[in-house]
Amino acid sequence: MAATILPFSSELAFLTALANNMPIITALVFASSGNILAIIFNYFLGFLLYEKTYTKLEKSKIGLKSLSLGNKYGYYVLLLSWLPIIGDPITIVSGLLRLNFLYFILISATLRFLRYYILAIII
């Protein structure tokens, strides 16, 4: 739920699992898997919104500029997809821009896993 547009803290759930003596590997697998499934959902949500949104963006100067920048820098922006608040909308926009799904998964899923891994190490 946390990696969708719903307000929920996956980090809090992860830390609670660790505080209740869940093995780190198990917590990492569950937190990462759930988060990755949610960003896949976000990607396809954006993918489905493509037709409606693209035609609207195409009609405005700012919209065309946004599409151009998104296509040019989309994969670089994915490097920010692990961040709270802005990361989830980035995954929706990735689908809207129809970024390559394999690259999307490789970049954003790796970063989501690393976020939990680093959090586990810090604790």
Protein backbone atom coordinates (compact mmCIF):
# COMPACT_ATOMS: atom_id res chain seq x y z
CA MET A 1 0.00 0.00 0.00
CA ALA A 2 2.82 2.40 0.77
CA ALA A 3 4.27 2.58 -2.73
CA THR A 4 0.92 3.39 -4.26
CA ILE A 5 -0.65 6.79 -3.87
CA LEU A 6 -2.19 5.72 -0.55
CA PRO A 7 -0.65 7.36 2.54
CA PHE A 8 1.10 4.57 4.41
CA SER A 9 4.64 4.27 5.74
CA SER A 10 6.35 1.11 4.57
CA GLU A 11 9.40 2.09 6.58
CA LEU A 12 7.34 2.12 9.76
CA ALA A 13 5.95 -1.34 8.94
CA PHE A 14 9.47 -2.58 8.16
CA LEU A 15 10.89 -1.21 11.41
CA THR A 16 7.96 -2.63 13.38
CA ALA A 17 8.63 -6.05 11.86
CA LEU A 18 12.29 -5.82 12.85
CA ALA A 19 11.37 -4.59 16.35
CA ASN A 20 9.16 -7.66 16.75
CA ASN A 21 12.13 -9.92 16.01
CA MET A 22 11.32 -10.78 12.41
CA PRO A 23 14.53 -11.95 10.75
CA ILE A 24 16.11 -9.21 8.65
CA ILE A 25 16.08 -11.32 5.48
CA THR A 26 12.36 -12.06 5.86
CA ALA A 27 11.54 -8.42 6.52
CA LEU A 28 13.64 -7.36 3.51
CA VAL A 29 11.92 -9.85 1.23
CA PHE A 30 8.41 -8.88 2.31
CA ALA A 31 9.00 -5.13 2.35
CA SER A 32 10.83 -5.11 -0.98
CA SER A 33 8.40 -7.47 -2.69
CA GLY A 34 5.37 -5.49 -1.58
CA ASN A 35 6.97 -2.22 -2.59
CA ILE A 36 8.05 -3.56 -5.98
CA LEU A 37 4.56 -4.92 -6.68
CA ALA A 38 3.13 -1.51 -5.82
CA ILE A 39 5.47 0.37 -8.17
CA ILE A 40 4.55 -2.09 -10.93
CA PHE A 41 0.92 -1.21 -10.24
CA ASN A 42 1.81 2.50 -10.42
CA TYR A 43 3.67 2.02 -13.70
CA PHE A 44 0.70 0.30 -15.33
CA LEU A 45 -1.67 2.91 -13.91
CA GLY A 46 0.38 5.55 -15.71
CA PHE A 47 0.56 3.32 -18.78
CA LEU A 48 -3.25 3.11 -18.89
CA LEU A 49 -3.60 6.87 -18.50
CA TYR A 50 -1.33 7.47 -21.51
CA GLU A 51 -3.98 8.08 -24.19
CA LYS A 52 -6.05 10.55 -22.21
CA THR A 53 -3.11 12.43 -20.74
CA TYR A 54 -0.91 12.45 -23.82
CA THR A 55 -3.55 14.10 -26.00
CA LYS A 56 -4.06 16.82 -23.40
CA LEU A 57 -0.34 17.44 -22.96
CA GLU A 58 0.21 17.46 -26.69
CA LYS A 59 -2.19 20.40 -27.08
CA SER A 60 -0.21 22.78 -24.89
CA LYS A 61 3.25 24.27 -25.18
CA ILE A 62 4.11 23.42 -21.57
CA GLY A 63 2.74 19.92 -22.04
CA LEU A 64 4.94 19.31 -25.08
CA LYS A 65 7.96 20.62 -23.18
CA SER A 66 7.11 18.33 -20.24
CA LEU A 67 6.84 15.30 -22.50
CA SER A 68 10.13 16.15 -24.17
CA LEU A 69 11.93 16.55 -20.84
CA GLY A 70 10.33 13.40 -19.49
CA ASN A 71 11.48 11.35 -22.44
CA LYS A 72 14.95 12.86 -22.30
CA TYR A 73 15.57 12.60 -18.55
CA GLY A 74 13.04 9.95 -17.46
CA TYR A 75 15.57 7.28 -16.56
CA TYR A 76 17.67 9.76 -14.59
CA VAL A 77 14.61 10.91 -12.68
CA LEU A 78 13.96 7.26 -11.78
CA LEU A 79 17.06 7.52 -9.59
CA LEU A 80 14.87 9.59 -7.26
CA SER A 81 12.03 7.06 -7.21
CA TRP A 82 13.12 5.60 -3.88
CA LEU A 83 12.42 8.88 -2.08
CA PRO A 84 9.33 9.25 0.08
CA ILE A 85 6.54 11.51 -1.24
CA ILE A 86 7.98 12.18 -4.72
CA GLY A 87 9.04 8.61 -5.53
CA ASP A 88 5.58 7.17 -6.03
CA PRO A 89 4.38 9.81 -8.51
CA ILE A 90 7.62 9.29 -10.43
CA THR A 91 6.69 5.64 -10.91
CA ILE A 92 3.28 6.64 -12.28
CA VAL A 93 4.84 9.16 -14.67
CA SER A 94 7.28 6.46 -15.81
CA GLY A 95 4.34 4.43 -17.06
CA LEU A 96 2.74 7.52 -18.56
CA LEU A 97 5.94 8.21 -20.50
CA ARG A 98 6.07 4.53 -21.42
CA LEU A 99 9.63 4.15 -20.26
CA ASN A 100 11.06 0.72 -20.97
CA PHE A 101 9.56 -1.58 -18.34
CA LEU A 102 12.72 -3.65 -17.89
CA TYR A 103 14.85 -0.56 -17.21
CA PHE A 104 12.12 0.80 -14.96
CA ILE A 105 12.18 -2.37 -12.85
CA LEU A 106 15.95 -2.65 -12.78
CA ILE A 107 16.40 0.92 -11.58
CA SER A 108 13.46 1.47 -9.26
CA ALA A 109 13.26 -2.03 -7.75
CA THR A 110 16.98 -2.04 -6.96
CA LEU A 111 16.69 1.34 -5.27
CA ARG A 112 13.61 0.26 -3.28
CA PHE A 113 15.45 -2.83 -2.02
CA LEU A 114 18.53 -0.77 -1.15
CA ARG A 115 16.39 1.66 0.85
CA TYR A 116 15.23 -1.13 3.16
CA TYR A 117 18.66 -2.74 3.26
CA ILE A 118 20.32 0.49 4.38
CA LEU A 119 17.56 1.08 6.89
CA ALA A 120 18.15 -2.41 8.33
CA ILE A 121 21.89 -1.78 8.58
CA ILE A 122 21.41 1.56 10.35
CA ILE A 123 19.16 0.04 12.98
